[in-house]
């Protein structure tokens, strides 16, 4: 039993240190995708967190149905390999669609 706990105590700091870097590498990047592929990913999954640049990421959704209560779906544009302003889906915003920036 002591050996098991000693092993877990050793692995916990390793997992915590490697966690954020490992997750960042697994996040799909829009800059590596064609515009159609990025839009298809959002459409297929309904919602996804995608990187849009170095250390930049956001959550994109297929429709209002994937936004939390009290938020509104607004068109989302992201840079892709073939289009610097590709509409890949929507993002959830607290600002009403009736409100203009």
C-alpha atoms as a PDB file:
ATOM      1  CA  UNK A   1       0.000   0.000   0.000  1.00  0.00           C
ATOM      2  CA  UNK A   2       2.827   2.421   0.828  1.00  0.00           C
ATOM      3  CA  UNK A   3       4.437   1.774  -2.554  1.00  0.00           C
ATOM      4  CA  UNK A   4       1.200   2.699  -4.337  1.00  0.00           C
ATOM      5  CA  UNK A   5       0.901   6.012  -2.452  1.00  0.00           C
ATOM      6  CA  UNK A   6       4.586   6.774  -3.029  1.00  0.00           C
ATOM      7  CA  UNK A   7       4.082   6.215  -6.757  1.00  0.00           C
ATOM      8  CA  UNK A   8       1.021   8.476  -6.835  1.00  0.00           C
ATOM      9  CA  UNK A   9       2.844  11.173  -4.888  1.00  0.00           C
ATOM     10  CA  UNK A  10       5.616  11.073  -7.492  1.00  0.00           C
ATOM     11  CA  UNK A  11       3.251  11.216 -10.498  1.00  0.00           C
ATOM     12  CA  UNK A  12       0.986  14.021  -9.261  1.00  0.00           C
ATOM     13  CA  UNK A  13       3.549  16.856  -9.666  1.00  0.00           C
ATOM     14  CA  UNK A  14       4.622  15.483 -13.049  1.00  0.00           C
ATOM     15  CA  UNK A  15       1.011  15.480 -14.278  1.00  0.00           C
ATOM     16  CA  UNK A  16       0.381  18.986 -12.972  1.00  0.00           C
ATOM     17  CA  UNK A  17       3.490  20.394 -14.619  1.00  0.00           C
ATOM     18  CA  UNK A  18       2.863  18.787 -18.002  1.00  0.00           C
ATOM     19  CA  UNK A  19      -0.891  19.471 -17.980  1.00  0.00           C
ATOM     20  CA  UNK A  20      -1.248  22.934 -19.557  1.00  0.00           C
ATOM     21  CA  UNK A  21       1.419  22.341 -22.208  1.00  0.00           C
ATOM     22  CA  UNK A  22      -0.053  18.987 -23.163  1.00  0.00           C
ATOM     23  CA  UNK A  23      -3.568  20.414 -23.410  1.00  0.00           C
ATOM     24  CA  UNK A  24      -2.398  23.335 -25.564  1.00  0.00           C
ATOM     25  CA  UNK A  25      -0.817  20.926 -28.039  1.00  0.00           C
ATOM     26  CA  UNK A  26      -4.015  18.878 -28.297  1.00  0.00           C
ATOM     27  CA  UNK A  27      -6.247  21.872 -29.037  1.00  0.00           C
ATOM     28  CA  UNK A  28      -6.977  22.087 -32.791  1.00  0.00           C
ATOM     29  CA  UNK A  29      -5.697  25.262 -34.428  1.00  0.00           C
ATOM     30  CA  UNK A  30      -7.716  27.109 -37.050  1.00  0.00           C
ATOM     31  CA  UNK A  31      -4.506  28.378 -38.646  1.00  0.00           C
ATOM     32  CA  UNK A  32      -3.643  24.796 -39.620  1.00  0.00           C
ATOM     33  CA  UNK A  33      -7.087  24.107 -41.172  1.00  0.00           C
ATOM     34  CA  UNK A  34      -8.856  25.131 -44.333  1.00  0.00           C
ATOM     35  CA  UNK A  35     -11.892  27.366 -43.779  1.00  0.00           C
ATOM     36  CA  UNK A  36     -14.349  24.603 -44.718  1.00  0.00           C
ATOM     37  CA  UNK A  37     -12.644  22.124 -42.385  1.00  0.00           C
ATOM     38  CA  UNK A  38     -12.830  24.486 -39.384  1.00  0.00           C
ATOM     39  CA  UNK A  39     -16.512  25.238 -40.038  1.00  0.00           C
ATOM     40  CA  UNK A  40     -17.230  21.520 -40.496  1.00  0.00           C
ATOM     41  CA  UNK A  41     -15.556  20.721 -37.163  1.00  0.00           C
ATOM     42  CA  UNK A  42     -17.808  23.170 -35.321  1.00  0.00           C
ATOM     43  CA  UNK A  43     -20.863  21.959 -37.211  1.00  0.00           C
ATOM     44  CA  UNK A  44     -20.069  18.295 -36.465  1.00  0.00           C
ATOM     45  CA  UNK A  45     -19.242  18.725 -32.756  1.00  0.00           C
ATOM     46  CA  UNK A  46     -21.723  21.482 -31.920  1.00  0.00           C
ATOM     47  CA  UNK A  47     -19.140  23.320 -29.821  1.00  0.00           C
ATOM     48  CA  UNK A  48     -15.359  23.267 -29.608  1.00  0.00           C
ATOM     49  CA  UNK A  49     -12.456  25.217 -28.179  1.00  0.00           C
ATOM     50  CA  UNK A  50     -10.054  26.086 -30.986  1.00  0.00           C
ATOM     51  CA  UNK A  51      -6.712  27.830 -30.998  1.00  0.00           C
ATOM     52  CA  UNK A  52      -6.604  30.851 -33.302  1.00  0.00           C
ATOM     53  CA  UNK A  53      -2.965  31.781 -32.783  1.00  0.00           C
ATOM     54  CA  UNK A  54      -0.113  31.367 -30.354  1.00  0.00           C
ATOM     55  CA  UNK A  55      -1.626  31.395 -26.854  1.00  0.00           C
ATOM     56  CA  UNK A  56      -5.031  32.468 -28.260  1.00  0.00           C
ATOM     57  CA  UNK A  57      -8.147  30.312 -28.170  1.00  0.00           C
ATOM     58  CA  UNK A  58     -11.910  30.625 -27.930  1.00  0.00           C
ATOM     59  CA  UNK A  59     -15.032  28.497 -27.744  1.00  0.00           C
ATOM     60  CA  UNK A  60     -17.048  28.326 -30.951  1.00  0.00           C
ATOM     61  CA  UNK A  61     -20.566  26.936 -31.310  1.00  0.00           C
ATOM     62  CA  UNK A  62     -22.872  25.725 -34.080  1.00  0.00           C
ATOM     63  CA  UNK A  63     -25.931  27.661 -32.906  1.00  0.00           C
ATOM     64  CA  UNK A  64     -27.701  29.449 -30.060  1.00  0.00           C
ATOM     65  CA  UNK A  65     -28.608  26.019 -28.646  1.00  0.00           C
ATOM     66  CA  UNK A  66     -24.989  25.575 -27.495  1.00  0.00           C
ATOM     67  CA  UNK A  67     -24.823  28.903 -25.618  1.00  0.00           C
ATOM     68  CA  UNK A  68     -25.470  29.153 -21.875  1.00  0.00           C
ATOM     69  CA  UNK A  69     -28.704  30.774 -20.717  1.00  0.00           C
ATOM     70  CA  UNK A  70     -28.474  34.540 -20.857  1.00  0.00           C
ATOM     71  CA  UNK A  71     -25.985  34.610 -23.725  1.00  0.00           C
ATOM     72  CA  UNK A  72     -26.512  35.087 -27.432  1.00  0.00           C
ATOM     73  CA  UNK A  73     -24.858  33.507 -30.466  1.00  0.00           C
ATOM     74  CA  UNK A  74     -22.953  36.026 -32.591  1.00  0.00           C
ATOM     75  CA  UNK A  75     -21.051  35.299 -35.823  1.00  0.00           C
ATOM     76  CA  UNK A  76     -17.454  34.221 -35.220  1.00  0.00           C
ATOM     77  CA  UNK A  77     -14.604  34.787 -37.642  1.00  0.00           C
ATOM     78  CA  UNK A  78     -11.204  33.167 -37.224  1.00  0.00           C
ATOM     79  CA  UNK A  79      -8.011  33.022 -39.282  1.00  0.00           C
ATOM     80  CA  UNK A  80      -7.594  29.781 -41.221  1.00  0.00           C
ATOM     81  CA  UNK A  81      -4.921  28.509 -43.564  1.00  0.00           C
ATOM     82  CA  UNK A  82      -6.780  29.800 -46.645  1.00  0.00           C
ATOM     83  CA  UNK A  83      -8.876  32.691 -45.284  1.00  0.00           C
ATOM     84  CA  UNK A  84      -7.812  35.361 -42.747  1.00  0.00           C
ATOM     85  CA  UNK A  85     -11.475  35.973 -41.753  1.00  0.00           C
ATOM     86  CA  UNK A  86     -13.346  32.691 -42.078  1.00  0.00           C
ATOM     87  CA  UNK A  87     -16.806  32.466 -40.524  1.00  0.00           C
ATOM     88  CA  UNK A  88     -16.471  29.183 -38.664  1.00  0.00           C
ATOM     89  CA  UNK A  89     -19.645  29.419 -36.600  1.00  0.00           C
ATOM     90  CA  UNK A  90     -20.693  31.518 -33.639  1.00  0.00           C
ATOM     91  CA  UNK A  91     -19.437  32.558 -30.219  1.00  0.00           C
ATOM     92  CA  UNK A  92     -21.566  33.162 -27.120  1.00  0.00           C
ATOM     93  CA  UNK A  93     -21.833  36.760 -25.921  1.00  0.00           C
ATOM     94  CA  UNK A  94     -23.666  38.483 -23.111  1.00  0.00           C
ATOM     95  CA  UNK A  95     -24.425  41.402 -25.441  1.00  0.00           C
ATOM     96  CA  UNK A  96     -27.848  41.191 -27.056  1.00  0.00           C
ATOM     97  CA  UNK A  97     -27.902  40.832 -30.850  1.00  0.00           C
ATOM     98  CA  UNK A  98     -30.043  43.990 -30.867  1.00  0.00           C
ATOM     99  CA  UNK A  99     -27.145  45.920 -29.345  1.00  0.00           C
ATOM    100  CA  UNK A 100     -24.740  47.376 -31.915  1.00  0.00           C
ATOM    101  CA  UNK A 101     -21.077  47.984 -31.073  1.00  0.00           C
END
